């Protein structure tokens, strides 16, 4: 018999108030970068417990700096 893959129940992670720090979602155990907001109809937010979130933010900052630098030429 094949072993069943263990699936995480992401809905439980989203709804757990311990994972929300004000308006920010912070859960290192959650592997998703984009997670639904507390009220799902409001869109998505970033998981600040994931390292790739900070890389995405850094990428946006570097992109913005490069655009401003190129505009001043």
Foldseek 3Di string as FASTA:
>chain_A
DDDDDDDDDVVVQQQDVVQDDDQAGEDLVDADQWDAGNPNVVDIDGHPNYPVNVVVVVVVVVVVVVVVVVVVD
